[in-house]
Amino acid sequence: MEVNDKTLQALASSLNFRQMRQEIITSNIANAETPGYKAKRVDFEQALARALDVDGQQQLNTEDSRHFDVGSGGFGNLQPEIYDDPNGVVSEDGNTVDRDAELARMAENKILYDATVQLINKKLGLMKYAVGSSN
């Protein structure tokens, strides 16, 4: 089943990236005592904004709908950027993980993950209601 709802696609992509962020944060915490380990970060908000075309700058003008997959909203090729955190404080052993900051990021990410799940459930409930009421 293919869903062409841009909002649902954005929420699903956000959910996937929040899971990825949680895994990276968990890895950072697990390596907090590893000498020379550099804390990692993942940014998906910019990629998601590009896919959503929030500011209208990415929209292409097409004369024929067959030229581009207009319904995809750019979600098929979202690639978040994973990089070493440039703002990390380097400890004596070269490690840049701040365990307390990572735990705070983890808590924030979980709250946003849970909110995204709730939004998906609401959206699916609305779609189910719309299909049910049309019968």
N, C-alpha and C. Protein backbone atom coordinates (compact mmCIF):
# COMPACT_ATOMS: atom_id res chain seq x y z
N MET A 1 0.84 -1.18 0.00
CA MET A 1 0.00 0.00 0.00
C MET A 1 0.88 1.24 0.00
N GLU A 2 0.60 2.16 -0.90
CA GLU A 2 1.38 3.39 -0.99
C GLU A 2 0.54 4.55 -0.49
N VAL A 3 1.13 5.32 0.41
CA VAL A 3 0.44 6.49 0.94
C VAL A 3 1.11 7.72 0.39
N ASN A 4 0.34 8.58 -0.28
CA ASN A 4 0.89 9.78 -0.87
C ASN A 4 0.60 11.02 -0.05
N ASP A 5 0.25 10.85 1.20
CA ASP A 5 -0.03 11.97 2.08
C ASP A 5 1.30 12.55 2.56
N LYS A 6 1.56 13.80 2.23
CA LYS A 6 2.85 14.43 2.55
C LYS A 6 3.08 14.51 4.06
N THR A 7 2.02 14.79 4.80
CA THR A 7 2.15 14.90 6.26
C THR A 7 2.54 13.55 6.86
N LEU A 8 1.88 12.50 6.42
CA LEU A 8 2.18 11.16 6.95
C LEU A 8 3.59 10.73 6.57
N GLN A 9 4.01 11.06 5.36
CA GLN A 9 5.38 10.74 4.94
C GLN A 9 6.39 11.51 5.78
N ALA A 10 6.11 12.76 6.07
CA ALA A 10 7.03 13.57 6.89
C ALA A 10 7.10 13.00 8.30
N LEU A 11 5.97 12.63 8.87
CA LEU A 11 5.96 12.06 10.22
C LEU A 11 6.71 10.73 10.26
N ALA A 12 6.51 9.90 9.25
CA ALA A 12 7.21 8.61 9.21
C ALA A 12 8.72 8.82 9.08
N SER A 13 9.13 9.77 8.24
CA SER A 13 10.56 10.08 8.10
C SER A 13 11.12 10.61 9.41
N SER A 14 10.37 11.48 10.06
CA SER A 14 10.81 12.03 11.34
C SER A 14 10.98 10.92 12.37
N LEU A 15 10.05 9.99 12.39
CA LEU A 15 10.12 8.87 13.32
C LEU A 15 11.38 8.03 13.08
N ASN A 16 11.67 7.75 11.82
CA ASN A 16 12.87 6.98 11.48
C ASN A 16 14.14 7.71 11.91
N PHE A 17 14.18 9.02 11.67
CA PHE A 17 15.38 9.78 12.02
C PHE A 17 15.51 9.96 13.53
N ARG A 18 14.40 10.06 14.23
CA ARG A 18 14.46 10.13 15.70
C ARG A 18 15.03 8.83 16.26
N GLN A 19 14.65 7.71 15.64
CA GLN A 19 15.22 6.43 16.06
C GLN A 19 16.72 6.40 15.79
N MET A 20 17.13 6.90 14.63
CA MET A 20 18.55 6.97 14.30
C MET A 20 19.29 7.85 15.30
N ARG A 21 18.70 9.00 15.64
CA ARG A 21 19.33 9.90 16.60
C ARG A 21 19.47 9.21 17.96
N GLN A 22 18.46 8.46 18.38
CA GLN A 22 18.50 7.76 19.66
C GLN A 22 19.66 6.74 19.66
N GLU A 23 19.84 6.04 18.56
CA GLU A 23 20.93 5.07 18.46
C GLU A 23 22.29 5.76 18.53
N ILE A 24 22.42 6.91 17.90
CA ILE A 24 23.69 7.65 17.93
C ILE A 24 23.97 8.16 19.34
N ILE A 25 22.95 8.70 20.01
CA ILE A 25 23.12 9.17 21.38
C ILE A 25 23.50 8.01 22.29
N THR A 26 22.85 6.87 22.11
CA THR A 26 23.18 5.68 22.90
C THR A 26 24.62 5.26 22.68
N SER A 27 25.07 5.33 21.44
CA SER A 27 26.46 5.00 21.12
C SER A 27 27.42 5.97 21.79
N ASN A 28 27.07 7.25 21.79
CA ASN A 28 27.90 8.25 22.45
C ASN A 28 28.03 7.93 23.94
N ILE A 29 26.91 7.63 24.58
CA ILE A 29 26.93 7.31 26.02
C ILE A 29 27.76 6.05 26.28
N ALA A 30 27.59 5.05 25.43
CA ALA A 30 28.34 3.80 25.60
C ALA A 30 29.85 4.02 25.46
N ASN A 31 30.23 5.03 24.68
CA ASN A 31 31.65 5.30 24.45
C ASN A 31 32.19 6.47 25.27
N ALA A 32 31.47 6.85 26.31
CA ALA A 32 31.87 8.00 27.12
C ALA A 32 33.23 7.82 27.78
N GLU A 33 33.65 6.59 27.99
CA GLU A 33 34.93 6.32 28.63
C GLU A 33 36.00 5.85 27.63
N THR A 34 35.67 5.84 26.34
CA THR A 34 36.61 5.37 25.33
C THR A 34 37.57 6.50 24.97
N PRO A 35 38.87 6.31 25.18
CA PRO A 35 39.84 7.36 24.85
C PRO A 35 39.80 7.71 23.36
N GLY A 36 39.77 9.01 23.08
CA GLY A 36 39.81 9.49 21.71
C GLY A 36 38.48 9.46 20.97
N TYR A 37 37.42 8.95 21.60
CA TYR A 37 36.12 8.89 20.93
C TYR A 37 35.54 10.29 20.77
N LYS A 38 35.05 10.59 19.58
CA LYS A 38 34.42 11.87 19.30
C LYS A 38 32.90 11.68 19.25
N ALA A 39 32.18 12.47 20.03
CA ALA A 39 30.72 12.40 20.06
C ALA A 39 30.17 12.67 18.66
N LYS A 40 29.15 11.92 18.27
CA LYS A 40 28.52 12.05 16.96
C LYS A 40 27.19 12.80 17.10
N ARG A 41 26.80 13.42 16.02
CA ARG A 41 25.51 14.10 15.92
C ARG A 41 24.88 13.72 14.59
N VAL A 42 23.57 13.81 14.53
CA VAL A 42 22.84 13.60 13.27
C VAL A 42 21.85 14.75 13.12
N ASP A 43 21.87 15.37 11.96
CA ASP A 43 20.94 16.44 11.65
C ASP A 43 20.02 15.97 10.53
N PHE A 44 18.75 15.88 10.84
CA PHE A 44 17.80 15.52 9.80
C PHE A 44 16.76 16.61 9.57
N GLU A 45 16.73 17.60 10.43
CA GLU A 45 15.73 18.64 10.31
C GLU A 45 15.86 19.41 8.99
N GLN A 46 17.09 19.70 8.57
CA GLN A 46 17.28 20.43 7.31
C GLN A 46 16.87 19.57 6.12
N ALA A 47 17.22 18.28 6.16
CA ALA A 47 16.83 17.38 5.07
C ALA A 47 15.31 17.26 5.00
N LEU A 48 14.67 17.18 6.16
CA LEU A 48 13.22 17.09 6.22
C LEU A 48 12.57 18.38 5.70
N ALA A 49 13.12 19.52 6.06
CA ALA A 49 12.60 20.80 5.57
C ALA A 49 12.71 20.90 4.06
N ARG A 50 13.84 20.40 3.51
CA ARG A 50 14.00 20.40 2.04
C ARG A 50 12.95 19.50 1.40
N ALA A 51 12.71 18.34 1.99
CA ALA A 51 11.73 17.41 1.43
C ALA A 51 10.32 18.00 1.49
N LEU A 52 10.05 18.72 2.57
CA LEU A 52 8.74 19.35 2.72
C LEU A 52 8.62 20.62 1.90
N ASP A 53 9.78 21.15 1.48
CA ASP A 53 9.83 22.41 0.74
C ASP A 53 9.13 23.50 1.54
N VAL A 54 9.56 23.65 2.79
CA VAL A 54 8.92 24.56 3.72
C VAL A 54 8.87 25.99 3.20
N ASP A 55 9.96 26.47 2.61
CA ASP A 55 10.00 27.86 2.17
C ASP A 55 9.63 28.05 0.70
N GLY A 56 9.28 26.95 0.01
CA GLY A 56 8.86 27.05 -1.38
C GLY A 56 9.99 27.22 -2.36
N GLN A 57 11.23 27.10 -1.92
CA GLN A 57 12.38 27.33 -2.78
C GLN A 57 12.77 26.10 -3.61
N GLN A 58 12.32 24.91 -3.20
CA GLN A 58 12.75 23.69 -3.88
C GLN A 58 11.76 23.24 -4.95
N GLN A 59 10.65 23.92 -5.09
CA GLN A 59 9.61 23.47 -5.99
C GLN A 59 10.05 23.63 -7.44
N LEU A 60 9.81 22.61 -8.22
CA LEU A 60 10.14 22.63 -9.64
C LEU A 60 8.89 22.92 -10.45
N ASN A 61 9.06 23.69 -11.49
CA ASN A 61 7.95 23.92 -12.40
C ASN A 61 7.98 22.84 -13.46
N THR A 62 6.89 22.12 -13.60
CA THR A 62 6.82 21.06 -14.60
C THR A 62 5.57 21.29 -15.44
N GLU A 63 5.66 20.91 -16.68
CA GLU A 63 4.51 21.03 -17.57
C GLU A 63 3.76 19.73 -17.68
N ASP A 64 4.40 18.63 -17.35
CA ASP A 64 3.80 17.31 -17.48
C ASP A 64 4.05 16.55 -16.19
N SER A 65 3.01 16.04 -15.56
CA SER A 65 3.16 15.36 -14.28
C SER A 65 4.00 14.10 -14.38
N ARG A 66 4.25 13.59 -15.59
CA ARG A 66 5.07 12.39 -15.75
C ARG A 66 6.57 12.70 -15.65
N HIS A 67 6.94 13.97 -15.70
CA HIS A 67 8.36 14.33 -15.66
C HIS A 67 9.00 14.03 -14.31
N PHE A 68 8.28 14.26 -13.25
CA PHE A 68 8.81 14.05 -11.91
C PHE A 68 7.75 13.38 -11.07
N ASP A 69 8.19 12.67 -10.04
CA ASP A 69 7.25 12.06 -9.11
C ASP A 69 6.78 13.16 -8.15
N VAL A 70 5.78 13.91 -8.57
CA VAL A 70 5.32 15.07 -7.83
C VAL A 70 4.79 14.67 -6.46
N GLY A 71 4.16 13.52 -6.33
CA GLY A 71 3.54 13.12 -5.08
C GLY A 71 4.51 12.67 -4.01
N SER A 72 5.74 12.43 -4.35
CA SER A 72 6.68 11.89 -3.37
C SER A 72 7.13 12.92 -2.36
N GLY A 73 7.12 14.20 -2.70
CA GLY A 73 7.53 15.24 -1.77
C GLY A 73 9.00 15.17 -1.44
N GLY A 74 9.80 14.42 -2.19
CA GLY A 74 11.22 14.35 -1.93
C GLY A 74 11.61 13.44 -0.78
N PHE A 75 10.71 12.61 -0.30
CA PHE A 75 10.99 11.78 0.86
C PHE A 75 11.78 10.53 0.52
N GLY A 76 11.84 10.17 -0.75
CA GLY A 76 12.52 8.95 -1.15
C GLY A 76 14.03 8.99 -0.98
N ASN A 77 14.62 10.17 -0.97
CA ASN A 77 16.07 10.26 -0.92
C ASN A 77 16.57 11.14 0.23
N LEU A 78 15.85 11.14 1.33
CA LEU A 78 16.29 11.90 2.50
C LEU A 78 17.55 11.26 3.09
N GLN A 79 18.57 12.05 3.27
CA GLN A 79 19.81 11.56 3.86
C GLN A 79 20.24 12.49 4.98
N PRO A 80 20.15 12.04 6.21
CA PRO A 80 20.61 12.89 7.31
C PRO A 80 22.14 12.93 7.33
N GLU A 81 22.67 13.98 7.89
CA GLU A 81 24.11 14.13 7.98
C GLU A 81 24.57 13.68 9.37
N ILE A 82 25.48 12.71 9.42
CA ILE A 82 26.08 12.27 10.67
C ILE A 82 27.51 12.79 10.69
N TYR A 83 27.86 13.47 11.78
CA TYR A 83 29.17 14.10 11.85
C TYR A 83 29.67 14.11 13.28
N ASP A 84 30.98 14.35 13.44
CA ASP A 84 31.56 14.53 14.77
C ASP A 84 31.11 15.88 15.31
N ASP A 85 30.69 15.90 16.57
CA ASP A 85 30.21 17.13 17.20
C ASP A 85 31.37 18.11 17.34
N PRO A 86 31.30 19.25 16.63
CA PRO A 86 32.40 20.21 16.71
C PRO A 86 32.40 21.00 18.02
N ASN A 87 31.32 20.93 18.78
CA ASN A 87 31.19 21.72 20.01
C ASN A 87 31.56 20.94 21.27
N GLY A 88 32.03 19.72 21.09
CA GLY A 88 32.36 18.90 22.25
C GLY A 88 33.62 19.38 22.96
N VAL A 89 33.58 19.31 24.28
CA VAL A 89 34.75 19.66 25.09
C VAL A 89 35.64 18.43 25.16
N VAL A 90 36.89 18.61 24.79
CA VAL A 90 37.83 17.49 24.74
C VAL A 90 38.41 17.26 26.14
N SER A 91 38.27 16.01 26.60
CA SER A 91 38.83 15.66 27.90
C SER A 91 40.31 15.32 27.73
N GLU A 92 40.96 14.99 28.83
CA GLU A 92 42.40 14.68 28.79
C GLU A 92 42.72 13.50 27.89
N ASP A 93 41.78 12.54 27.78
CA ASP A 93 42.03 11.37 26.94
C ASP A 93 41.53 11.55 25.50
N GLY A 94 41.08 12.77 25.16
CA GLY A 94 40.66 13.05 23.80
C GLY A 94 39.19 12.75 23.53
N ASN A 95 38.46 12.30 24.53
CA ASN A 95 37.04 11.98 24.39
C ASN A 95 36.22 13.28 24.47
N THR A 96 35.17 13.39 23.62
CA THR A 96 34.35 14.60 23.62
C THR A 96 32.92 14.37 24.10
N VAL A 97 32.65 13.23 24.72
CA VAL A 97 31.30 12.92 25.17
C VAL A 97 31.04 13.54 26.54
N ASP A 98 29.98 14.32 26.63
CA ASP A 98 29.48 14.86 27.90
C ASP A 98 28.26 14.02 28.25
N ARG A 99 28.42 13.10 29.18
CA ARG A 99 27.37 12.14 29.51
C ARG A 99 26.07 12.83 29.92
N ASP A 100 26.14 13.87 30.73
CA ASP A 100 24.93 14.57 31.17
C ASP A 100 24.21 15.23 30.00
N ALA A 101 24.95 15.85 29.11
CA ALA A 101 24.34 16.49 27.94
C ALA A 101 23.71 15.43 27.03
N GLU A 102 24.37 14.29 26.90
CA GLU A 102 23.82 13.21 26.07
C GLU A 102 22.53 12.66 26.67
N LEU A 103 22.48 12.52 27.98
CA LEU A 103 21.26 12.04 28.63
C LEU A 103 20.12 13.04 28.44
N ALA A 104 20.43 14.33 28.49
CA ALA A 104 19.42 15.35 28.25
C ALA A 104 18.92 15.28 26.81
N ARG A 105 19.84 15.10 25.85
CA ARG A 105 19.45 14.95 24.44
C ARG A 105 18.58 13.71 24.24
N MET A 106 18.93 12.65 24.95
CA MET A 106 18.17 11.41 24.84
C MET A 106 16.74 11.62 25.34
N ALA A 107 16.59 12.29 26.47
CA ALA A 107 15.26 12.55 27.02
C ALA A 107 14.44 13.42 26.07
N GLU A 108 15.05 14.46 25.53
CA GLU A 108 14.36 15.34 24.58
C GLU A 108 13.94 14.57 23.34
N ASN A 109 14.84 13.76 22.81
CA ASN A 109 14.55 12.99 21.61
C ASN A 109 13.41 12.01 21.85
N LYS A 110 13.38 11.40 23.04
CA LYS A 110 12.30 10.45 23.35
C LYS A 110 10.96 11.16 23.42
N ILE A 111 10.93 12.34 24.00
CA ILE A 111 9.68 13.11 24.07
C ILE A 111 9.19 13.44 22.65
N LEU A 112 10.10 13.86 21.79
CA LEU A 112 9.73 14.18 20.41
C LEU A 112 9.33 12.94 19.62
N TYR A 113 9.99 11.81 19.90
CA TYR A 113 9.63 10.54 19.27
C TYR A 113 8.21 10.16 19.65
N ASP A 114 7.91 10.22 20.95
CA ASP A 114 6.57 9.87 21.43
C ASP A 114 5.51 10.81 20.85
N ALA A 115 5.83 12.10 20.74
CA ALA A 115 4.89 13.05 20.16
C ALA A 115 4.64 12.73 18.69
N THR A 116 5.68 12.32 17.97
CA THR A 116 5.53 11.96 16.56
C THR A 116 4.64 10.74 16.42
N VAL A 117 4.81 9.75 17.29
CA VAL A 117 3.95 8.56 17.27
C VAL A 117 2.50 8.97 17.49
N GLN A 118 2.26 9.86 18.44
CA GLN A 118 0.89 10.32 18.69
C GLN A 118 0.31 11.05 17.48
N LEU A 119 1.13 11.86 16.82
CA LEU A 119 0.65 12.56 15.62
C LEU A 119 0.32 11.59 14.50
N ILE A 120 1.14 10.55 14.32
CA ILE A 120 0.86 9.53 13.31
C ILE A 120 -0.46 8.83 13.63
N ASN A 121 -0.65 8.48 14.90
CA ASN A 121 -1.90 7.82 15.29
C ASN A 121 -3.11 8.71 15.02
N LYS A 122 -2.99 10.00 15.33
CA LYS A 122 -4.09 10.94 15.07
C LYS A 122 -4.37 11.04 13.57
N LYS A 123 -3.32 11.15 12.77
CA LYS A 123 -3.48 11.27 11.32
C LYS A 123 -4.14 10.01 10.76
N LEU A 124 -3.69 8.85 11.19
CA LEU A 124 -4.30 7.60 10.71
C LEU A 124 -5.75 7.49 11.17
N GLY A 125 -6.04 7.95 12.38
CA GLY A 125 -7.41 7.96 12.88
C GLY A 125 -8.31 8.85 12.03
N LEU A 126 -7.79 10.02 11.63
CA LEU A 126 -8.55 10.91 10.76
C LEU A 126 -8.79 10.27 9.39
N MET A 127 -7.78 9.61 8.88
CA MET A 127 -7.92 8.95 7.58
C MET A 127 -8.95 7.82 7.67
N LYS A 128 -8.89 7.06 8.75
CA LYS A 128 -9.85 5.97 8.96
C LYS A 128 -11.27 6.53 9.07
N TYR A 129 -11.41 7.62 9.80
CA TYR A 129 -12.72 8.25 9.94
C TYR A 129 -13.23 8.73 8.59
N ALA A 130 -12.35 9.35 7.80
CA ALA A 130 -12.75 9.86 6.49
C ALA A 130 -13.19 8.73 5.56
N VAL A 131 -12.49 7.62 5.60
CA VAL A 131 -12.86 6.47 4.75
C VAL A 131 -14.16 5.87 5.26
N GLY A 132 -14.30 5.76 6.57
CA GLY A 132 -15.51 5.18 7.15
C GLY A 132 -16.75 6.02 6.92
N SER A 133 -16.60 7.33 6.94
CA SER A 133 -17.76 8.21 6.79
C SER A 133 -18.18 8.35 5.33
N SER A 134 -17.31 7.95 4.40
CA SER A 134 -17.67 8.07 2.98
C SER A 134 -18.49 6.88 2.51
N ASN A 135 -18.60 5.85 3.33
CA ASN A 135 -19.38 4.65 2.94
C ASN A 135 -20.84 4.85 3.17
